[in-house]
PDB file of N, CA and C in Angstrom:
ATOM      1  N   MET A   1     -11.080 141.091 149.369  1.00  0.00           N
ATOM      2  CA  MET A   1      -9.660 141.318 149.448  1.00  0.00           C
ATOM      3  C   MET A   1      -9.365 141.968 150.787  1.00  0.00           C
ATOM      4  N   SER A   2      -8.405 141.472 151.455  1.00  0.00           N
ATOM      5  CA  SER A   2      -8.035 142.039 152.744  1.00  0.00           C
ATOM      6  C   SER A   2      -7.086 143.216 152.548  1.00  0.00           C
ATOM      7  N   ALA A   3      -6.806 143.905 153.631  1.00  0.00           N
ATOM      8  CA  ALA A   3      -5.928 145.075 153.563  1.00  0.00           C
ATOM      9  C   ALA A   3      -4.512 144.707 153.136  1.00  0.00           C
ATOM     10  N   SER A   4      -4.154 143.449 153.272  1.00  0.00           N
ATOM     11  CA  SER A   4      -2.805 143.028 152.888  1.00  0.00           C
ATOM     12  C   SER A   4      -2.673 142.826 151.385  1.00  0.00           C
ATOM     13  N   GLY A   5      -3.785 142.849 150.650  1.00  0.00           N
ATOM     14  CA  GLY A   5      -3.740 142.659 149.207  1.00  0.00           C
ATOM     15  C   GLY A   5      -3.761 141.203 148.800  1.00  0.00           C
ATOM     16  N   VAL A   6      -4.042 140.302 149.733  1.00  0.00           N
ATOM     17  CA  VAL A   6      -4.083 138.874 149.454  1.00  0.00           C
ATOM     18  C   VAL A   6      -5.541 138.430 149.402  1.00  0.00           C
ATOM     19  N   HIS A   7      -5.875 137.655 148.386  1.00  0.00           N
ATOM     20  CA  HIS A   7      -7.236 137.150 148.263  1.00  0.00           C
ATOM     21  C   HIS A   7      -7.405 135.889 149.100  1.00  0.00           C
ATOM     22  N   ASN A   8      -8.588 135.719 149.674  1.00  0.00           N
ATOM     23  CA  ASN A   8      -8.875 134.519 150.454  1.00  0.00           C
ATOM     24  C   ASN A   8      -9.641 133.495 149.626  1.00  0.00           C
ATOM     25  N   HIS A   9      -9.632 133.684 148.293  1.00  0.00           N
ATOM     26  CA  HIS A   9     -10.298 132.764 147.382  1.00  0.00           C
ATOM     27  C   HIS A   9      -9.505 132.716 146.089  1.00  0.00           C
ATOM     28  N   HIS A  10      -9.809 131.719 145.272  1.00  0.00           N
ATOM     29  CA  HIS A  10      -9.123 131.559 143.993  1.00  0.00           C
ATOM     30  C   HIS A  10      -9.572 132.660 143.038  1.00  0.00           C
ATOM     31  N   LEU A  11      -8.642 133.315 142.399  1.00  0.00           N
ATOM     32  CA  LEU A  11      -8.958 134.397 141.475  1.00  0.00           C
ATOM     33  C   LEU A  11      -8.471 134.023 140.085  1.00  0.00           C
ATOM     34  N   THR A  12      -9.411 133.933 139.147  1.00  0.00           N
ATOM     35  CA  THR A  12      -9.056 133.606 137.771  1.00  0.00           C
ATOM     36  C   THR A  12      -9.064 134.880 136.926  1.00  0.00           C
ATOM     37  N   LYS A  13      -8.477 134.791 135.749  1.00  0.00           N
ATOM     38  CA  LYS A  13      -8.445 135.933 134.841  1.00  0.00           C
ATOM     39  C   LYS A  13      -9.868 136.343 134.458  1.00  0.00           C
ATOM     40  N   ASP A  14     -10.736 135.362 134.196  1.00  0.00           N
ATOM     41  CA  ASP A  14     -12.123 135.666 133.838  1.00  0.00           C
ATOM     42  C   ASP A  14     -12.845 136.387 134.973  1.00  0.00           C
ATOM     43  N   ARG A  15     -12.618 135.935 136.191  1.00  0.00           N
ATOM     44  CA  ARG A  15     -13.252 136.573 137.353  1.00  0.00           C
ATOM     45  C   ARG A  15     -12.745 138.007 137.488  1.00  0.00           C
ATOM     46  N   TRP A  16     -11.427 138.188 137.332  1.00  0.00           N
ATOM     47  CA  TRP A  16     -10.819 139.514 137.441  1.00  0.00           C
ATOM     48  C   TRP A  16     -11.429 140.468 136.405  1.00  0.00           C
ATOM     49  N   GLU A  17     -11.600 139.993 135.177  1.00  0.00           N
ATOM     50  CA  GLU A  17     -12.122 140.836 134.100  1.00  0.00           C
ATOM     51  C   GLU A  17     -13.630 141.048 134.198  1.00  0.00           C
ATOM     52  N   SER A  18     -14.293 140.336 135.100  1.00  0.00           N
ATOM     53  CA  SER A  18     -15.738 140.514 135.246  1.00  0.00           C
ATOM     54  C   SER A  18     -16.078 141.762 136.062  1.00  0.00           C
ATOM     55  N   TYR A  19     -15.104 142.332 136.758  1.00  0.00           N
ATOM     56  CA  TYR A  19     -15.335 143.524 137.564  1.00  0.00           C
ATOM     57  C   TYR A  19     -15.137 144.779 136.726  1.00  0.00           C
ATOM     58  N   ALA A  20     -16.134 145.647 136.734  1.00  0.00           N
ATOM     59  CA  ALA A  20     -16.112 146.852 135.894  1.00  0.00           C
ATOM     60  C   ALA A  20     -14.905 147.735 136.179  1.00  0.00           C
ATOM     61  N   GLU A  21     -14.499 147.841 137.431  1.00  0.00           N
ATOM     62  CA  GLU A  21     -13.360 148.709 137.751  1.00  0.00           C
ATOM     63  C   GLU A  21     -12.052 148.192 137.153  1.00  0.00           C
ATOM     64  N   ASN A  22     -11.984 146.907 136.857  1.00  0.00           N
ATOM     65  CA  ASN A  22     -10.788 146.343 136.227  1.00  0.00           C
ATOM     66  C   ASN A  22     -10.827 146.470 134.709  1.00  0.00           C
ATOM     67  N   ARG A  23     -12.020 146.687 134.150  1.00  0.00           N
ATOM     68  CA  ARG A  23     -12.162 146.874 132.706  1.00  0.00           C
ATOM     69  C   ARG A  23     -12.170 148.343 132.326  1.00  0.00           C
ATOM     70  N   ALA A  24     -12.278 149.218 133.306  1.00  0.00           N
ATOM     71  CA  ALA A  24     -12.431 150.649 133.044  1.00  0.00           C
ATOM     72  C   ALA A  24     -11.218 151.219 132.321  1.00  0.00           C
ATOM     73  N   VAL A  25     -11.489 152.186 131.477  1.00  0.00           N
ATOM     74  CA  VAL A  25     -10.426 152.891 130.764  1.00  0.00           C
ATOM     75  C   VAL A  25     -10.131 154.161 131.551  1.00  0.00           C
ATOM     76  N   ASN A  26      -8.940 154.232 132.127  1.00  0.00           N
ATOM     77  CA  ASN A  26      -8.567 155.367 132.965  1.00  0.00           C
ATOM     78  C   ASN A  26      -7.631 156.342 132.267  1.00  0.00           C
ATOM     79  N   ASP A  27      -7.228 156.024 131.065  1.00  0.00           N
ATOM     80  CA  ASP A  27      -6.316 156.878 130.316  1.00  0.00           C
ATOM     81  C   ASP A  27      -7.067 158.125 129.844  1.00  0.00           C
ATOM     82  N   PRO A  28      -6.637 159.323 130.257  1.00  0.00           N
ATOM     83  CA  PRO A  28      -7.342 160.545 129.858  1.00  0.00           C
ATOM     84  C   PRO A  28      -7.392 160.748 128.342  1.00  0.00           C
ATOM     85  N   CYS A  29      -6.366 160.324 127.634  1.00  0.00           N
ATOM     86  CA  CYS A  29      -6.355 160.473 126.172  1.00  0.00           C
ATOM     87  C   CYS A  29      -7.444 159.612 125.534  1.00  0.00           C
ATOM     88  N   LEU A  30      -7.566 158.366 125.992  1.00  0.00           N
ATOM     89  CA  LEU A  30      -8.599 157.481 125.443  1.00  0.00           C
ATOM     90  C   LEU A  30      -9.996 157.956 125.829  1.00  0.00           C
ATOM     91  N   THR A  31     -10.134 158.454 127.041  1.00  0.00           N
ATOM     92  CA  THR A  31     -11.426 158.980 127.469  1.00  0.00           C
ATOM     93  C   THR A  31     -11.829 160.162 126.593  1.00  0.00           C
ATOM     94  N   ASN A  32     -10.863 161.013 126.284  1.00  0.00           N
ATOM     95  CA  ASN A  32     -11.124 162.145 125.394  1.00  0.00           C
ATOM     96  C   ASN A  32     -11.482 161.658 123.993  1.00  0.00           C
ATOM     97  N   ASP A  33     -10.770 160.637 123.505  1.00  0.00           N
ATOM     98  CA  ASP A  33     -11.070 160.074 122.185  1.00  0.00           C
ATOM     99  C   ASP A  33     -12.501 159.547 122.123  1.00  0.00           C
ATOM    100  N   VAL A  34     -12.939 158.888 123.190  1.00  0.00           N
ATOM    101  CA  VAL A  34     -14.308 158.357 123.238  1.00  0.00           C
ATOM    102  C   VAL A  34     -15.310 159.506 123.177  1.00  0.00           C
ATOM    103  N   GLU A  35     -15.021 160.572 123.885  1.00  0.00           N
ATOM    104  CA  GLU A  35     -15.909 161.736 123.861  1.00  0.00           C
ATOM    105  C   GLU A  35     -15.989 162.340 122.457  1.00  0.00           C
ATOM    106  N   VAL A  36     -14.842 162.446 121.788  1.00  0.00           N
ATOM    107  CA  VAL A  36     -14.806 162.994 120.427  1.00  0.00           C
ATOM    108  C   VAL A  36     -15.572 162.083 119.467  1.00  0.00           C
ATOM    109  N   LEU A  37     -15.359 160.772 119.579  1.00  0.00           N
ATOM    110  CA  LEU A  37     -16.078 159.826 118.722  1.00  0.00           C
ATOM    111  C   LEU A  37     -17.588 159.938 118.928  1.00  0.00           C
ATOM    112  N   HIS A  38     -17.992 160.056 120.181  1.00  0.00           N
ATOM    113  CA  HIS A  38     -19.421 160.165 120.499  1.00  0.00           C
ATOM    114  C   HIS A  38     -20.020 161.432 119.894  1.00  0.00           C
ATOM    115  N   LYS A  39     -19.313 162.557 120.054  1.00  0.00           N
ATOM    116  CA  LYS A  39     -19.799 163.827 119.505  1.00  0.00           C
ATOM    117  C   LYS A  39     -19.847 163.798 117.982  1.00  0.00           C
ATOM    118  N   ALA A  40     -18.945 163.012 117.372  1.00  0.00           N
ATOM    119  CA  ALA A  40     -18.910 162.914 115.911  1.00  0.00           C
ATOM    120  C   ALA A  40     -19.985 161.974 115.375  1.00  0.00           C
ATOM    121  N   GLY A  41     -20.677 161.281 116.278  1.00  0.00           N
ATOM    122  CA  GLY A  41     -21.770 160.420 115.856  1.00  0.00           C
ATOM    123  C   GLY A  41     -21.403 158.959 115.679  1.00  0.00           C
ATOM    124  N   ALA A  42     -20.241 158.562 116.178  1.00  0.00           N
ATOM    125  CA  ALA A  42     -19.839 157.156 116.073  1.00  0.00           C
ATOM    126  C   ALA A  42     -20.780 156.291 116.909  1.00  0.00           C
ATOM    127  N   ASN A  43     -21.068 155.094 116.398  1.00  0.00           N
ATOM    128  CA  ASN A  43     -21.926 154.202 117.178  1.00  0.00           C
ATOM    129  C   ASN A  43     -21.104 153.531 118.281  1.00  0.00           C
ATOM    130  N   VAL A  44     -21.806 152.975 119.243  1.00  0.00           N
ATOM    131  CA  VAL A  44     -21.154 152.417 120.425  1.00  0.00           C
ATOM    132  C   VAL A  44     -20.278 151.219 120.067  1.00  0.00           C
ATOM    133  N   LYS A  45     -20.721 150.409 119.106  1.00  0.00           N
ATOM    134  CA  LYS A  45     -19.921 149.242 118.716  1.00  0.00           C
ATOM    135  C   LYS A  45     -18.611 149.662 118.059  1.00  0.00           C
ATOM    136  N   GLY A  46     -18.646 150.733 117.284  1.00  0.00           N
ATOM    137  CA  GLY A  46     -17.420 151.250 116.684  1.00  0.00           C
ATOM    138  C   GLY A  46     -16.467 151.776 117.744  1.00  0.00           C
ATOM    139  N   THR A  47     -17.017 152.458 118.735  1.00  0.00           N
ATOM    140  CA  THR A  47     -16.210 152.959 119.846  1.00  0.00           C
ATOM    141  C   THR A  47     -15.617 151.802 120.632  1.00  0.00           C
ATOM    142  N   LEU A  48     -16.398 150.755 120.836  1.00  0.00           N
ATOM    143  CA  LEU A  48     -15.911 149.569 121.540  1.00  0.00           C
ATOM    144  C   LEU A  48     -14.747 148.939 120.788  1.00  0.00           C
ATOM    145  N   GLN A  49     -14.869 148.821 119.489  1.00  0.00           N
ATOM    146  CA  GLN A  49     -13.790 148.252 118.680  1.00  0.00           C
ATOM    147  C   GLN A  49     -12.533 149.114 118.794  1.00  0.00           C
ATOM    148  N   TYR A  50     -12.695 150.419 118.763  1.00  0.00           N
ATOM    149  CA  TYR A  50     -11.566 151.337 118.910  1.00  0.00           C
ATOM    150  C   TYR A  50     -10.872 151.117 120.254  1.00  0.00           C
ATOM    151  N   LEU A  51     -11.646 150.983 121.323  1.00  0.00           N
ATOM    152  CA  LEU A  51     -11.062 150.767 122.648  1.00  0.00           C
ATOM    153  C   LEU A  51     -10.341 149.430 122.735  1.00  0.00           C
ATOM    154  N   HIS A  52     -10.895 148.389 122.117  1.00  0.00           N
ATOM    155  CA  HIS A  52     -10.228 147.087 122.128  1.00  0.00           C
ATOM    156  C   HIS A  52      -8.873 147.177 121.448  1.00  0.00           C
ATOM    157  N   GLU A  53      -8.816 147.917 120.341  1.00  0.00           N
ATOM    158  CA  GLU A  53      -7.565 148.040 119.599  1.00  0.00           C
ATOM    159  C   GLU A  53      -6.548 148.898 120.341  1.00  0.00           C
ATOM    160  N   CYS A  54      -7.002 149.950 120.997  1.00  0.00           N
ATOM    161  CA  CYS A  54      -6.080 150.904 121.622  1.00  0.00           C
ATOM    162  C   CYS A  54      -5.762 150.596 123.083  1.00  0.00           C
ATOM    163  N   ALA A  55      -6.756 150.171 123.838  1.00  0.00           N
ATOM    164  CA  ALA A  55      -6.561 149.984 125.276  1.00  0.00           C
ATOM    165  C   ALA A  55      -6.090 148.582 125.620  1.00  0.00           C
ATOM    166  N   GLY A  56      -6.469 147.608 124.813  1.00  0.00           N
ATOM    167  CA  GLY A  56      -6.070 146.240 125.106  1.00  0.00           C
ATOM    168  C   GLY A  56      -6.776 145.643 126.310  1.00  0.00           C
ATOM    169  N   ARG A  57      -7.910 146.201 126.680  1.00  0.00           N
ATOM    170  CA  ARG A  57      -8.684 145.668 127.803  1.00  0.00           C
ATOM    171  C   ARG A  57      -9.941 144.998 127.290  1.00  0.00           C
ATOM    172  N   LYS A  58     -10.563 144.218 128.143  1.00  0.00           N
ATOM    173  CA  LYS A  58     -11.794 143.517 127.776  1.00  0.00           C
ATOM    174  C   LYS A  58     -13.009 144.391 128.076  1.00  0.00           C
ATOM    175  N   THR A  59     -12.985 145.604 127.562  1.00  0.00           N
ATOM    176  CA  THR A  59     -14.085 146.534 127.759  1.00  0.00           C
ATOM    177  C   THR A  59     -15.346 145.978 127.098  1.00  0.00           C
ATOM    178  N   THR A  60     -16.481 146.129 127.774  1.00  0.00           N
ATOM    179  CA  THR A  60     -17.743 145.618 127.248  1.00  0.00           C
ATOM    180  C   THR A  60     -18.584 146.758 126.679  1.00  0.00           C
ATOM    181  N   LEU A  61     -19.645 146.391 125.987  1.00  0.00           N
ATOM    182  CA  LEU A  61     -20.558 147.374 125.417  1.00  0.00           C
ATOM    183  C   LEU A  61     -21.167 148.244 126.517  1.00  0.00           C
ATOM    184  N   LYS A  62     -21.500 147.631 127.641  1.00  0.00           N
ATOM    185  CA  LYS A  62     -22.057 148.385 128.771  1.00  0.00           C
ATOM    186  C   LYS A  62     -21.041 149.384 129.307  1.00  0.00           C
ATOM    187  N   ASP A  63     -19.767 149.019 129.328  1.00  0.00           N
ATOM    188  CA  ASP A  63     -18.729 149.945 129.781  1.00  0.00           C
ATOM    189  C   ASP A  63     -18.684 151.182 128.890  1.00  0.00           C
ATOM    190  N   VAL A  64     -18.821 150.979 127.586  1.00  0.00           N
ATOM    191  CA  VAL A  64     -18.808 152.107 126.653  1.00  0.00           C
ATOM    192  C   VAL A  64     -20.044 152.971 126.872  1.00  0.00           C
ATOM    193  N   HIS A  65     -21.204 152.342 127.068  1.00  0.00           N
ATOM    194  CA  HIS A  65     -22.425 153.104 127.347  1.00  0.00           C
ATOM    195  C   HIS A  65     -22.252 153.940 128.610  1.00  0.00           C
ATOM    196  N   ASP A  66     -21.575 153.400 129.600  1.00  0.00           N
ATOM    197  CA  ASP A  66     -21.358 154.130 130.847  1.00  0.00           C
ATOM    198  C   ASP A  66     -20.406 155.311 130.661  1.00  0.00           C
ATOM    199  N   MET A  67     -19.524 155.220 129.666  1.00  0.00           N
ATOM    200  CA  MET A  67     -18.557 156.296 129.422  1.00  0.00           C
ATOM    201  C   MET A  67     -19.184 157.484 128.702  1.00  0.00           C
ATOM    202  N   VAL A  68     -20.176 157.225 127.840  1.00  0.00           N
ATOM    203  CA  VAL A  68     -20.739 158.315 127.023  1.00  0.00           C
ATOM    204  C   VAL A  68     -21.996 158.890 127.591  1.00  0.00           C
TER     205      VAL A  68
END
């Protein structure tokens, strides 16, 4: 991506969602919820399901592992 914000290649939704920074959960409330779930003993798949329902992003299992 150039400084102008224009891509010099075709960008698809799948390609966009393949980048971790675009899937990241930046909401402090959700980040806190993930921390609470982890401390309470929730498994990673349950946390992932919670994030899918609340954040509406294509967060992956690896993304959740990186958060906890």
